[in-house]
PDB file of N, CA and C in Angstrom:
ATOM      1  N   MET A   1       7.075-116.856  23.493  1.00  0.00           N
ATOM      2  CA  MET A   1       8.035-117.898  23.815  1.00  0.00           C
ATOM      3  C   MET A   1       9.461-117.418  23.587  1.00  0.00           C
ATOM      4  N   GLY A   2       9.702-116.661  22.526  1.00  0.00           N
ATOM      5  CA  GLY A   2      11.032-116.147  22.235  1.00  0.00           C
ATOM      6  C   GLY A   2      11.511-115.203  23.321  1.00  0.00           C
ATOM      7  N   LYS A   3      10.586-114.373  23.844  1.00  0.00           N
ATOM      8  CA  LYS A   3      10.956-113.436  24.906  1.00  0.00           C
ATOM      9  C   LYS A   3      11.318-114.193  26.186  1.00  0.00           C
ATOM     10  N   LEU A   4      10.569-115.230  26.494  1.00  0.00           N
ATOM     11  CA  LEU A   4      10.843-116.041  27.672  1.00  0.00           C
ATOM     12  C   LEU A   4      12.202-116.725  27.542  1.00  0.00           C
ATOM     13  N   LEU A   5      12.501-117.212  26.363  1.00  0.00           N
ATOM     14  CA  LEU A   5      13.793-117.853  26.119  1.00  0.00           C
ATOM     15  C   LEU A   5      14.926-116.847  26.273  1.00  0.00           C
ATOM     16  N   SER A   6      14.738-115.625  25.816  1.00  0.00           N
ATOM     17  CA  SER A   6      15.759-114.577  25.958  1.00  0.00           C
ATOM     18  C   SER A   6      16.000-114.242  27.424  1.00  0.00           C
ATOM     19  N   ILE A   7      14.927-114.143  28.203  1.00  0.00           N
ATOM     20  CA  ILE A   7      15.053-113.856  29.632  1.00  0.00           C
ATOM     21  C   ILE A   7      15.805-114.989  30.322  1.00  0.00           C
ATOM     22  N   PHE A   8      15.447-116.227  29.966  1.00  0.00           N
ATOM     23  CA  PHE A   8      16.137-117.381  30.537  1.00  0.00           C
ATOM     24  C   PHE A   8      17.625-117.344  30.210  1.00  0.00           C
ATOM     25  N   ALA A   9      17.969-116.999  28.983  1.00  0.00           N
ATOM     26  CA  ALA A   9      19.368-116.951  28.565  1.00  0.00           C
ATOM     27  C   ALA A   9      20.135-115.896  29.362  1.00  0.00           C
ATOM     28  N   VAL A  10      19.538-114.722  29.574  1.00  0.00           N
ATOM     29  CA  VAL A  10      20.189-113.662  30.340  1.00  0.00           C
ATOM     30  C   VAL A  10      20.396-114.100  31.785  1.00  0.00           C
ATOM     31  N   VAL A  11      19.368-114.698  32.391  1.00  0.00           N
ATOM     32  CA  VAL A  11      19.472-115.168  33.766  1.00  0.00           C
ATOM     33  C   VAL A  11      20.548-116.250  33.870  1.00  0.00           C
ATOM     34  N   PHE A  12      20.589-117.153  32.901  1.00  0.00           N
ATOM     35  CA  PHE A  12      21.586-118.213  32.907  1.00  0.00           C
ATOM     36  C   PHE A  12      22.993-117.643  32.826  1.00  0.00           C
ATOM     37  N   LEU A  13      23.214-116.700  31.912  1.00  0.00           N
ATOM     38  CA  LEU A  13      24.540-116.106  31.765  1.00  0.00           C
ATOM     39  C   LEU A  13      24.957-115.352  33.022  1.00  0.00           C
ATOM     40  N   PHE A  14      24.027-114.623  33.622  1.00  0.00           N
ATOM     41  CA  PHE A  14      24.327-113.902  34.862  1.00  0.00           C
ATOM     42  C   PHE A  14      24.722-114.876  35.955  1.00  0.00           C
ATOM     43  N   THR A  15      23.967-115.945  36.092  1.00  0.00           N
ATOM     44  CA  THR A  15      24.247-116.948  37.121  1.00  0.00           C
ATOM     45  C   THR A  15      25.574-117.645  36.860  1.00  0.00           C
ATOM     46  N   ALA A  16      25.882-117.927  35.630  1.00  0.00           N
ATOM     47  CA  ALA A  16      27.101-118.645  35.290  1.00  0.00           C
ATOM     48  C   ALA A  16      28.352-117.826  35.609  1.00  0.00           C
ATOM     49  N   PHE A  17      28.258-116.505  35.473  1.00  0.00           N
ATOM     50  CA  PHE A  17      29.443-115.674  35.659  1.00  0.00           C
ATOM     51  C   PHE A  17      29.499-114.940  36.984  1.00  0.00           C
ATOM     52  N   LYS A  18      28.462-115.005  37.788  1.00  0.00           N
ATOM     53  CA  LYS A  18      28.486-114.261  39.046  1.00  0.00           C
ATOM     54  C   LYS A  18      29.451-114.855  40.066  1.00  0.00           C
ATOM     55  N   CYS A  19      29.858-116.104  39.894  1.00  0.00           N
ATOM     56  CA  CYS A  19      30.806-116.723  40.814  1.00  0.00           C
ATOM     57  C   CYS A  19      32.188-116.088  40.707  1.00  0.00           C
ATOM     58  N   ASP A  20      32.525-115.584  39.539  1.00  0.00           N
ATOM     59  CA  ASP A  20      33.824-114.949  39.346  1.00  0.00           C
ATOM     60  C   ASP A  20      33.653-113.451  39.504  1.00  0.00           C
ATOM     61  N   ASP A  21      33.960-112.941  40.708  1.00  0.00           N
ATOM     62  CA  ASP A  21      33.762-111.528  40.950  1.00  0.00           C
ATOM     63  C   ASP A  21      34.798-110.670  40.234  1.00  0.00           C
ATOM     64  N   ASN A  22      35.746-111.281  39.535  1.00  0.00           N
ATOM     65  CA  ASN A  22      36.705-110.542  38.720  1.00  0.00           C
ATOM     66  C   ASN A  22      36.359-110.607  37.231  1.00  0.00           C
ATOM     67  N   ALA A  23      35.209-111.191  36.909  1.00  0.00           N
ATOM     68  CA  ALA A  23      34.809-111.312  35.508  1.00  0.00           C
ATOM     69  C   ALA A  23      34.731-109.925  34.883  1.00  0.00           C
ATOM     70  N   GLY A  24      35.304-109.786  33.711  1.00  0.00           N
ATOM     71  CA  GLY A  24      35.257-108.525  32.995  1.00  0.00           C
ATOM     72  C   GLY A  24      36.378-107.566  33.351  1.00  0.00           C
ATOM     73  N   LEU A  25      37.206-107.911  34.325  1.00  0.00           N
ATOM     74  CA  LEU A  25      38.322-107.052  34.698  1.00  0.00           C
ATOM     75  C   LEU A  25      39.539-107.375  33.840  1.00  0.00           C
ATOM     76  N   THR A  26      40.345-106.367  33.580  1.00  0.00           N
ATOM     77  CA  THR A  26      41.599-106.592  32.875  1.00  0.00           C
ATOM     78  C   THR A  26      42.601-107.215  33.836  1.00  0.00           C
ATOM     79  N   GLN A  27      43.715-107.690  33.303  1.00  0.00           N
ATOM     80  CA  GLN A  27      44.757-108.265  34.155  1.00  0.00           C
ATOM     81  C   GLN A  27      45.258-107.226  35.153  1.00  0.00           C
ATOM     82  N   GLU A  28      45.429-105.995  34.690  1.00  0.00           N
ATOM     83  CA  GLU A  28      45.905-104.935  35.582  1.00  0.00           C
ATOM     84  C   GLU A  28      44.899-104.654  36.692  1.00  0.00           C
ATOM     85  N   GLN A  29      43.621-104.678  36.355  1.00  0.00           N
ATOM     86  CA  GLN A  29      42.585-104.446  37.365  1.00  0.00           C
ATOM     87  C   GLN A  29      42.545-105.592  38.377  1.00  0.00           C
ATOM     88  N   GLU A  30      42.681-106.818  37.902  1.00  0.00           N
ATOM     89  CA  GLU A  30      42.716-107.966  38.816  1.00  0.00           C
ATOM     90  C   GLU A  30      43.939-107.886  39.728  1.00  0.00           C
ATOM     91  N   GLN A  31      45.076-107.449  39.172  1.00  0.00           N
ATOM     92  CA  GLN A  31      46.285-107.285  39.985  1.00  0.00           C
ATOM     93  C   GLN A  31      46.053-106.220  41.051  1.00  0.00           C
ATOM     94  N   GLN A  32      45.331-105.151  40.708  1.00  0.00           N
ATOM     95  CA  GLN A  32      45.052-104.091  41.680  1.00  0.00           C
ATOM     96  C   GLN A  32      44.132-104.597  42.795  1.00  0.00           C
ATOM     97  N   VAL A  33      43.162-105.440  42.444  1.00  0.00           N
ATOM     98  CA  VAL A  33      42.288-106.054  43.461  1.00  0.00           C
ATOM     99  C   VAL A  33      43.137-106.865  44.441  1.00  0.00           C
ATOM    100  N   LEU A  34      44.067-107.659  43.913  1.00  0.00           N
ATOM    101  CA  LEU A  34      44.959-108.453  44.765  1.00  0.00           C
ATOM    102  C   LEU A  34      45.834-107.550  45.641  1.00  0.00           C
ATOM    103  N   THR A  35      46.380-106.506  45.054  1.00  0.00           N
ATOM    104  CA  THR A  35      47.237-105.580  45.798  1.00  0.00           C
ATOM    105  C   THR A  35      46.465-104.925  46.933  1.00  0.00           C
ATOM    106  N   ASN A  36      45.251-104.485  46.664  1.00  0.00           N
ATOM    107  CA  ASN A  36      44.428-103.840  47.689  1.00  0.00           C
ATOM    108  C   ASN A  36      44.084-104.810  48.819  1.00  0.00           C
ATOM    109  N   LEU A  37      43.722-106.037  48.461  1.00  0.00           N
ATOM    110  CA  LEU A  37      43.377-107.034  49.466  1.00  0.00           C
ATOM    111  C   LEU A  37      44.604-107.395  50.304  1.00  0.00           C
ATOM    112  N   ARG A  38      45.751-107.555  49.647  1.00  0.00           N
ATOM    113  CA  ARG A  38      46.983-107.861  50.374  1.00  0.00           C
ATOM    114  C   ARG A  38      47.311-106.746  51.373  1.00  0.00           C
ATOM    115  N   GLN A  39      47.170-105.494  50.936  1.00  0.00           N
ATOM    116  CA  GLN A  39      47.457-104.363  51.815  1.00  0.00           C
ATOM    117  C   GLN A  39      46.511-104.328  53.012  1.00  0.00           C
ATOM    118  N   THR A  40      45.240-104.623  52.791  1.00  0.00           N
ATOM    119  CA  THR A  40      44.256-104.665  53.869  1.00  0.00           C
ATOM    120  C   THR A  40      44.627-105.739  54.887  1.00  0.00           C
ATOM    121  N   ILE A  41      45.013-106.904  54.387  1.00  0.00           N
ATOM    122  CA  ILE A  41      45.406-108.020  55.262  1.00  0.00           C
ATOM    123  C   ILE A  41      46.659-107.662  56.053  1.00  0.00           C
ATOM    124  N   GLU A  42      47.653-107.127  55.375  1.00  0.00           N
ATOM    125  CA  GLU A  42      48.901-106.767  56.048  1.00  0.00           C
ATOM    126  C   GLU A  42      48.670-105.670  57.090  1.00  0.00           C
ATOM    127  N   ASN A  43      47.787-104.721  56.800  1.00  0.00           N
ATOM    128  CA  ASN A  43      47.464-103.673  57.773  1.00  0.00           C
ATOM    129  C   ASN A  43      46.794-104.255  59.008  1.00  0.00           C
ATOM    130  N   LEU A  44      45.858-105.185  58.797  1.00  0.00           N
ATOM    131  CA  LEU A  44      45.177-105.817  59.931  1.00  0.00           C
ATOM    132  C   LEU A  44      46.193-106.552  60.805  1.00  0.00           C
ATOM    133  N   ALA A  45      47.058-107.333  60.187  1.00  0.00           N
ATOM    134  CA  ALA A  45      48.059-108.093  60.946  1.00  0.00           C
ATOM    135  C   ALA A  45      49.035-107.164  61.658  1.00  0.00           C
ATOM    136  N   SER A  46      49.410-106.077  61.027  1.00  0.00           N
ATOM    137  CA  SER A  46      50.392-105.177  61.643  1.00  0.00           C
ATOM    138  C   SER A  46      49.808-104.402  62.818  1.00  0.00           C
ATOM    139  N   ASN A  47      48.489-104.331  62.924  1.00  0.00           N
ATOM    140  CA  ASN A  47      47.844-103.659  64.046  1.00  0.00           C
ATOM    141  C   ASN A  47      47.735-104.560  65.272  1.00  0.00           C
ATOM    142  N   SER A  48      48.165-105.796  65.138  1.00  0.00           N
ATOM    143  CA  SER A  48      48.072-106.717  66.275  1.00  0.00           C
ATOM    144  C   SER A  48      49.218-106.465  67.245  1.00  0.00           C
ATOM    145  N   VAL A  49      48.930-106.669  68.518  1.00  0.00           N
ATOM    146  CA  VAL A  49      49.944-106.519  69.573  1.00  0.00           C
ATOM    147  C   VAL A  49      49.925-107.766  70.446  1.00  0.00           C
ATOM    148  N   CYS A  50      51.031-108.000  71.135  1.00  0.00           N
ATOM    149  CA  CYS A  50      51.102-109.172  71.995  1.00  0.00           C
ATOM    150  C   CYS A  50      51.704-108.804  73.339  1.00  0.00           C
ATOM    151  N   ASN A  51      51.417-109.635  74.320  1.00  0.00           N
ATOM    152  CA  ASN A  51      52.017-109.524  75.645  1.00  0.00           C
ATOM    153  C   ASN A  51      52.797-110.785  76.008  1.00  0.00           C
ATOM    154  N   GLU A  52      52.480-111.877  75.316  1.00  0.00           N
ATOM    155  CA  GLU A  52      53.173-113.139  75.586  1.00  0.00           C
ATOM    156  C   GLU A  52      53.229-113.978  74.317  1.00  0.00           C
ATOM    157  N   ASN A  53      54.146-114.930  74.301  1.00  0.00           N
ATOM    158  CA  ASN A  53      54.383-115.751  73.109  1.00  0.00           C
ATOM    159  C   ASN A  53      53.148-116.519  72.650  1.00  0.00           C
ATOM    160  N   THR A  54      52.306-116.943  73.576  1.00  0.00           N
ATOM    161  CA  THR A  54      51.142-117.754  73.204  1.00  0.00           C
ATOM    162  C   THR A  54      50.134-116.988  72.359  1.00  0.00           C
ATOM    163  N   GLU A  55      50.235-115.679  72.314  1.00  0.00           N
ATOM    164  CA  GLU A  55      49.331-114.864  71.493  1.00  0.00           C
ATOM    165  C   GLU A  55      49.794-114.767  70.041  1.00  0.00           C
ATOM    166  N   CYS A  56      50.990-115.211  69.757  1.00  0.00           N
ATOM    167  CA  CYS A  56      51.577-115.065  68.431  1.00  0.00           C
ATOM    168  C   CYS A  56      51.285-116.294  67.557  1.00  0.00           C
ATOM    169  N   LYS A  57      50.882-116.011  66.324  1.00  0.00           N
ATOM    170  CA  LYS A  57      50.523-117.065  65.364  1.00  0.00           C
ATOM    171  C   LYS A  57      51.092-116.701  63.997  1.00  0.00           C
ATOM    172  N   TYR A  58      51.022-117.651  63.074  1.00  0.00           N
ATOM    173  CA  TYR A  58      51.366-117.363  61.683  1.00  0.00           C
ATOM    174  C   TYR A  58      50.419-118.127  60.772  1.00  0.00           C
ATOM    175  N   ILE A  59      50.310-117.629  59.534  1.00  0.00           N
ATOM    176  CA  ILE A  59      49.431-118.250  58.544  1.00  0.00           C
ATOM    177  C   ILE A  59      50.094-118.131  57.178  1.00  0.00           C
ATOM    178  N   GLY A  60      49.946-119.197  56.353  1.00  0.00           N
ATOM    179  CA  GLY A  60      50.467-119.172  54.990  1.00  0.00           C
ATOM    180  C   GLY A  60      49.756-118.102  54.190  1.00  0.00           C
ATOM    181  N   PHE A  61      50.538-117.280  53.497  1.00  0.00           N
ATOM    182  CA  PHE A  61      49.983-116.113  52.815  1.00  0.00           C
ATOM    183  C   PHE A  61      50.454-116.055  51.371  1.00  0.00           C
ATOM    184  N   GLY A  62      49.498-115.969  50.454  1.00  0.00           N
ATOM    185  CA  GLY A  62      49.804-115.895  49.034  1.00  0.00           C
ATOM    186  C   GLY A  62      49.872-117.278  48.409  1.00  0.00           C
ATOM    187  N   SER A  63      49.981-117.281  47.106  1.00  0.00           N
ATOM    188  CA  SER A  63      50.005-118.539  46.366  1.00  0.00           C
ATOM    189  C   SER A  63      51.042-118.451  45.257  1.00  0.00           C
ATOM    190  N   LYS A  64      52.071-119.255  45.366  1.00  0.00           N
ATOM    191  CA  LYS A  64      53.084-119.278  44.312  1.00  0.00           C
ATOM    192  C   LYS A  64      52.553-120.113  43.142  1.00  0.00           C
ATOM    193  N   PRO A  65      52.891-119.736  41.926  1.00  0.00           N
ATOM    194  CA  PRO A  65      52.414-120.488  40.758  1.00  0.00           C
ATOM    195  C   PRO A  65      52.777-121.968  40.778  1.00  0.00           C
ATOM    196  N   CYS A  66      53.930-122.307  41.357  1.00  0.00           N
ATOM    197  CA  CYS A  66      54.348-123.707  41.419  1.00  0.00           C
ATOM    198  C   CYS A  66      53.725-124.449  42.592  1.00  0.00           C
ATOM    199  N   GLY A  67      53.009-123.726  43.438  1.00  0.00           N
ATOM    200  CA  GLY A  67      52.416-124.315  44.623  1.00  0.00           C
ATOM    201  C   GLY A  67      53.093-123.796  45.877  1.00  0.00           C
ATOM    202  N   GLY A  68      52.394-123.854  46.951  1.00  0.00           N
ATOM    203  CA  GLY A  68      52.930-123.372  48.216  1.00  0.00           C
ATOM    204  C   GLY A  68      52.620-121.901  48.430  1.00  0.00           C
ATOM    205  N   TYR A  69      52.992-121.427  49.601  1.00  0.00           N
ATOM    206  CA  TYR A  69      52.737-120.043  49.977  1.00  0.00           C
ATOM    207  C   TYR A  69      53.873-119.142  49.530  1.00  0.00           C
ATOM    208  N   ARG A  70      53.570-117.877  49.313  1.00  0.00           N
ATOM    209  CA  ARG A  70      54.593-116.873  49.010  1.00  0.00           C
ATOM    210  C   ARG A  70      55.369-116.500  50.272  1.00  0.00           C
ATOM    211  N   SER A  71      54.651-116.471  51.405  1.00  0.00           N
ATOM    212  CA  SER A  71      55.275-116.085  52.670  1.00  0.00           C
ATOM    213  C   SER A  71      54.391-116.566  53.807  1.00  0.00           C
ATOM    214  N   TYR A  72      54.810-116.236  55.000  1.00  0.00           N
ATOM    215  CA  TYR A  72      53.998-116.512  56.186  1.00  0.00           C
ATOM    216  C   TYR A  72      53.743-115.191  56.891  1.00  0.00           C
ATOM    217  N   LEU A  73      52.498-114.942  57.184  1.00  0.00           N
ATOM    218  CA  LEU A  73      52.073-113.711  57.836  1.00  0.00           C
ATOM    219  C   LEU A  73      52.060-113.936  59.341  1.00  0.00           C
ATOM    220  N   ILE A  74      52.730-113.057  60.061  1.00  0.00           N
ATOM    221  CA  ILE A  74      52.836-113.159  61.514  1.00  0.00           C
ATOM    222  C   ILE A  74      51.829-112.188  62.130  1.00  0.00           C
ATOM    223  N   TYR A  75      51.109-112.638  63.156  1.00  0.00           N
ATOM    224  CA  TYR A  75      50.093-111.799  63.794  1.00  0.00           C
ATOM    225  C   TYR A  75      49.863-112.283  65.216  1.00  0.00           C
ATOM    226  N   SER A  76      49.142-111.471  65.975  1.00  0.00           N
ATOM    227  CA  SER A  76      48.767-111.906  67.320  1.00  0.00           C
ATOM    228  C   SER A  76      47.253-112.056  67.389  1.00  0.00           C
ATOM    229  N   THR A  77      46.817-112.741  68.411  1.00  0.00           N
ATOM    230  CA  THR A  77      45.381-112.997  68.586  1.00  0.00           C
ATOM    231  C   THR A  77      44.635-111.787  69.126  1.00  0.00           C
ATOM    232  N   SER A  78      45.280-110.618  69.195  1.00  0.00           N
ATOM    233  CA  SER A  78      44.607-109.398  69.648  1.00  0.00           C
ATOM    234  C   SER A  78      43.655-108.837  68.593  1.00  0.00           C
ATOM    235  N   ILE A  79      43.739-109.348  67.374  1.00  0.00           N
ATOM    236  CA  ILE A  79      42.860-108.898  66.293  1.00  0.00           C
ATOM    237  C   ILE A  79      41.760-109.932  66.071  1.00  0.00           C
ATOM    238  N   ASN A  80      40.853-109.638  65.165  1.00  0.00           N
ATOM    239  CA  ASN A  80      39.797-110.571  64.796  1.00  0.00           C
ATOM    240  C   ASN A  80      40.425-111.663  63.920  1.00  0.00           C
ATOM    241  N   VAL A  81      40.801-112.771  64.539  1.00  0.00           N
ATOM    242  CA  VAL A  81      41.532-113.835  63.851  1.00  0.00           C
ATOM    243  C   VAL A  81      40.686-114.485  62.757  1.00  0.00           C
ATOM    244  N   SER A  82      39.413-114.714  63.013  1.00  0.00           N
ATOM    245  CA  SER A  82      38.583-115.362  61.978  1.00  0.00           C
ATOM    246  C   SER A  82      38.439-114.459  60.755  1.00  0.00           C
ATOM    247  N   GLU A  83      38.373-113.150  60.961  1.00  0.00           N
ATOM    248  CA  GLU A  83      38.325-112.218  59.828  1.00  0.00           C
ATOM    249  C   GLU A  83      39.619-112.292  59.034  1.00  0.00           C
ATOM    250  N   LEU A  84      40.748-112.297  59.741  1.00  0.00           N
ATOM    251  CA  LEU A  84      42.044-112.401  59.074  1.00  0.00           C
ATOM    252  C   LEU A  84      42.138-113.706  58.290  1.00  0.00           C
ATOM    253  N   GLU A  85      41.779-114.814  58.911  1.00  0.00           N
ATOM    254  CA  GLU A  85      41.859-116.117  58.240  1.00  0.00           C
ATOM    255  C   GLU A  85      40.971-116.159  57.005  1.00  0.00           C
ATOM    256  N   ASP A  86      39.769-115.591  57.089  1.00  0.00           N
ATOM    257  CA  ASP A  86      38.873-115.555  55.930  1.00  0.00           C
ATOM    258  C   ASP A  86      39.464-114.720  54.798  1.00  0.00           C
ATOM    259  N   MET A  87      40.029-113.565  55.147  1.00  0.00           N
ATOM    260  CA  MET A  87      40.624-112.699  54.122  1.00  0.00           C
ATOM    261  C   MET A  87      41.836-113.363  53.482  1.00  0.00           C
ATOM    262  N   VAL A  88      42.660-114.028  54.286  1.00  0.00           N
ATOM    263  CA  VAL A  88      43.836-114.715  53.746  1.00  0.00           C
ATOM    264  C   VAL A  88      43.401-115.860  52.835  1.00  0.00           C
ATOM    265  N   GLU A  89      42.391-116.606  53.242  1.00  0.00           N
ATOM    266  CA  GLU A  89      41.887-117.693  52.390  1.00  0.00           C
ATOM    267  C   GLU A  89      41.385-117.141  51.059  1.00  0.00           C
ATOM    268  N   THR A  90      40.660-116.039  51.099  1.00  0.00           N
ATOM    269  CA  THR A  90      40.166-115.397  49.876  1.00  0.00           C
ATOM    270  C   THR A  90      41.333-114.928  49.013  1.00  0.00           C
ATOM    271  N   TYR A  91      42.289-114.271  49.634  1.00  0.00           N
ATOM    272  CA  TYR A  91      43.448-113.774  48.896  1.00  0.00           C
ATOM    273  C   TYR A  91      44.210-114.924  48.236  1.00  0.00           C
ATOM    274  N   ASN A  92      44.490-115.969  48.998  1.00  0.00           N
ATOM    275  CA  ASN A  92      45.235-117.106  48.459  1.00  0.00           C
ATOM    276  C   ASN A  92      44.515-117.717  47.263  1.00  0.00           C
ATOM    277  N   SER A  93      43.210-117.840  47.373  1.00  0.00           N
ATOM    278  CA  SER A  93      42.413-118.400  46.284  1.00  0.00           C
ATOM    279  C   SER A  93      42.432-117.486  45.055  1.00  0.00           C
ATOM    280  N   LYS A  94      42.260-116.195  45.279  1.00  0.00           N
ATOM    281  CA  LYS A  94      42.277-115.234  44.167  1.00  0.00           C
ATOM    282  C   LYS A  94      43.648-115.200  43.486  1.00  0.00           C
ATOM    283  N   GLU A  95      44.719-115.237  44.288  1.00  0.00           N
ATOM    284  CA  GLU A  95      46.047-115.199  43.682  1.00  0.00           C
ATOM    285  C   GLU A  95      46.317-116.478  42.896  1.00  0.00           C
ATOM    286  N   SER A  96      45.884-117.604  43.407  1.00  0.00           N
ATOM    287  CA  SER A  96      46.047-118.865  42.681  1.00  0.00           C
ATOM    288  C   SER A  96      45.300-118.813  41.345  1.00  0.00           C
ATOM    289  N   GLY A  97      44.069-118.330  41.382  1.00  0.00           N
ATOM    290  CA  GLY A  97      43.292-118.186  40.149  1.00  0.00           C
ATOM    291  C   GLY A  97      43.941-117.231  39.161  1.00  0.00           C
ATOM    292  N   TYR A  98      44.460-116.120  39.672  1.00  0.00           N
ATOM    293  CA  TYR A  98      45.157-115.135  38.839  1.00  0.00           C
ATOM    294  C   TYR A  98      46.380-115.778  38.189  1.00  0.00           C
ATOM    295  N   ASN A  99      47.163-116.506  38.980  1.00  0.00           N
ATOM    296  CA  ASN A  99      48.361-117.162  38.448  1.00  0.00           C
ATOM    297  C   ASN A  99      48.014-118.128  37.333  1.00  0.00           C
ATOM    298  N   ASN A 100      46.962-118.921  37.540  1.00  0.00           N
ATOM    299  CA  ASN A 100      46.542-119.887  36.522  1.00  0.00           C
ATOM    300  C   ASN A 100      46.002-119.191  35.281  1.00  0.00           C
ATOM    301  N   LYS A 101      45.176-118.189  35.487  1.00  0.00           N
ATOM    302  CA  LYS A 101      44.529-117.484  34.369  1.00  0.00           C
ATOM    303  C   LYS A 101      45.546-116.808  33.457  1.00  0.00           C
ATOM    304  N   TYR A 102      46.583-116.221  34.052  1.00  0.00           N
ATOM    305  CA  TYR A 102      47.536-115.447  33.264  1.00  0.00           C
ATOM    306  C   TYR A 102      48.880-116.137  33.065  1.00  0.00           C
ATOM    307  N   GLY A 103      49.000-117.378  33.473  1.00  0.00           N
ATOM    308  CA  GLY A 103      50.235-118.123  33.254  1.00  0.00           C
ATOM    309  C   GLY A 103      51.438-117.518  33.972  1.00  0.00           C
ATOM    310  N   ILE A 104      51.216-117.032  35.169  1.00  0.00           N
ATOM    311  CA  ILE A 104      52.282-116.419  35.952  1.00  0.00           C
ATOM    312  C   ILE A 104      53.291-117.492  36.358  1.00  0.00           C
ATOM    313  N   ILE A 105      54.564-117.137  36.329  1.00  0.00           N
ATOM    314  CA  ILE A 105      55.620-118.069  36.732  1.00  0.00           C
ATOM    315  C   ILE A 105      56.394-117.474  37.907  1.00  0.00           C
ATOM    316  N   SER A 106      57.088-118.334  38.633  1.00  0.00           N
ATOM    317  CA  SER A 106      57.919-117.875  39.744  1.00  0.00           C
ATOM    318  C   SER A 106      59.124-118.790  39.869  1.00  0.00           C
ATOM    319  N   ASP A 107      59.909-118.557  40.918  1.00  0.00           N
ATOM    320  CA  ASP A 107      61.124-119.338  41.115  1.00  0.00           C
ATOM    321  C   ASP A 107      60.859-120.743  41.670  1.00  0.00           C
ATOM    322  N   CYS A 108      59.661-121.025  42.122  1.00  0.00           N
ATOM    323  CA  CYS A 108      59.251-122.330  42.631  1.00  0.00           C
ATOM    324  C   CYS A 108      59.995-122.755  43.896  1.00  0.00           C
ATOM    325  N   THR A 109      60.689-121.842  44.540  1.00  0.00           N
ATOM    326  CA  THR A 109      61.348-122.137  45.800  1.00  0.00           C
ATOM    327  C   THR A 109      60.289-122.246  46.883  1.00  0.00           C
ATOM    328  N   MET A 110      60.359-123.316  47.650  1.00  0.00           N
ATOM    329  CA  MET A 110      59.395-123.493  48.740  1.00  0.00           C
ATOM    330  C   MET A 110      59.784-122.594  49.906  1.00  0.00           C
ATOM    331  N   VAL A 111      58.805-121.869  50.423  1.00  0.00           N
ATOM    332  CA  VAL A 111      59.033-120.986  51.562  1.00  0.00           C
ATOM    333  C   VAL A 111      58.841-121.795  52.837  1.00  0.00           C
ATOM    334  N   THR A 112      59.815-121.730  53.708  1.00  0.00           N
ATOM    335  CA  THR A 112      59.778-122.485  54.955  1.00  0.00           C
ATOM    336  C   THR A 112      59.011-121.709  56.019  1.00  0.00           C
ATOM    337  N   PRO A 113      58.096-122.378  56.713  1.00  0.00           N
ATOM    338  CA  PRO A 113      57.387-121.686  57.799  1.00  0.00           C
ATOM    339  C   PRO A 113      58.338-121.422  58.963  1.00  0.00           C
ATOM    340  N   PRO A 114      58.001-120.455  59.794  1.00  0.00           N
ATOM    341  CA  PRO A 114      58.846-120.214  60.967  1.00  0.00           C
ATOM    342  C   PRO A 114      58.857-121.440  61.879  1.00  0.00           C
ATOM    343  N   THR A 115      59.964-121.632  62.587  1.00  0.00           N
ATOM    344  CA  THR A 115      60.002-122.723  63.566  1.00  0.00           C
ATOM    345  C   THR A 115      59.162-122.359  64.779  1.00  0.00           C
ATOM    346  N   SER A 116      59.049-121.051  65.037  1.00  0.00           N
ATOM    347  CA  SER A 116      58.175-120.559  66.102  1.00  0.00           C
ATOM    348  C   SER A 116      57.946-119.068  65.899  1.00  0.00           C
ATOM    349  N   VAL A 117      57.027-118.525  66.656  1.00  0.00           N
ATOM    350  CA  VAL A 117      56.793-117.084  66.677  1.00  0.00           C
ATOM    351  C   VAL A 117      56.805-116.649  68.139  1.00  0.00           C
ATOM    352  N   ILE A 118      57.441-115.524  68.388  1.00  0.00           N
ATOM    353  CA  ILE A 118      57.574-115.048  69.767  1.00  0.00           C
ATOM    354  C   ILE A 118      57.152-113.584  69.862  1.00  0.00           C
ATOM    355  N   CYS A 119      56.861-113.158  71.061  1.00  0.00           N
ATOM    356  CA  CYS A 119      56.478-111.781  71.347  1.00  0.00           C
ATOM    357  C   CYS A 119      57.701-111.007  71.818  1.00  0.00           C
ATOM    358  N   GLU A 120      58.070-109.982  71.064  1.00  0.00           N
ATOM    359  CA  GLU A 120      59.187-109.111  71.446  1.00  0.00           C
ATOM    360  C   GLU A 120      58.700-107.672  71.373  1.00  0.00           C
ATOM    361  N   ASN A 121      58.778-106.956  72.486  1.00  0.00           N
ATOM    362  CA  ASN A 121      58.369-105.548  72.528  1.00  0.00           C
ATOM    363  C   ASN A 121      56.943-105.369  71.998  1.00  0.00           C
ATOM    364  N   ASN A 122      56.046-106.234  72.410  1.00  0.00           N
ATOM    365  CA  ASN A 122      54.625-106.205  72.043  1.00  0.00           C
ATOM    366  C   ASN A 122      54.360-106.449  70.556  1.00  0.00           C
ATOM    367  N   THR A 123      55.328-107.057  69.871  1.00  0.00           N
ATOM    368  CA  THR A 123      55.176-107.382  68.461  1.00  0.00           C
ATOM    369  C   THR A 123      55.552-108.847  68.247  1.00  0.00           C
ATOM    370  N   CYS A 124      54.730-109.555  67.504  1.00  0.00           N
ATOM    371  CA  CYS A 124      55.042-110.949  67.186  1.00  0.00           C
ATOM    372  C   CYS A 124      56.094-110.979  66.079  1.00  0.00           C
ATOM    373  N   VAL A 125      57.100-111.815  66.273  1.00  0.00           N
ATOM    374  CA  VAL A 125      58.157-111.964  65.278  1.00  0.00           C
ATOM    375  C   VAL A 125      58.412-113.442  65.023  1.00  0.00           C
ATOM    376  N   ALA A 126      58.826-113.729  63.811  1.00  0.00           N
ATOM    377  CA  ALA A 126      59.108-115.113  63.413  1.00  0.00           C
ATOM    378  C   ALA A 126      60.512-115.505  63.810  1.00  0.00           C
ATOM    379  N   VAL A 127      60.669-116.768  64.191  1.00  0.00           N
ATOM    380  CA  VAL A 127      61.974-117.343  64.487  1.00  0.00           C
ATOM    381  C   VAL A 127      62.195-118.454  63.463  1.00  0.00           C
ATOM    382  N   TYR A 128      63.308-118.387  62.750  1.00  0.00           N
ATOM    383  CA  TYR A 128      63.617-119.393  61.735  1.00  0.00           C
ATOM    384  C   TYR A 128      64.819-120.212  62.119  1.00  0.00           C
TER     385      TYR A 128
END
């Protein structure tokens, strides 16, 4: 019975902590995970090209400690948009969790989204 209880305890602990894929990482390691993910997202978006304005989009990117996005990522629909959106959602969630976990502070200035995005020289650009 004691062995069964020990196995149950190990399984319970594994299950309880598997939701946090950063469990056991130091703050510096968690920051590196965020940096790597941000770079991957920015690389994907920068590889997008456009031929017309309707292909250009933007998405809120990052999570400020006071709330709101850190910036808006500009991209075109020439890339895998659902992959980009999933990665941005993951990044935003991870950064929010990181900010809460480590008590990160910022200037709390709200970032304004672009009024529009246009295609210039096959690159989407923000208009403010």
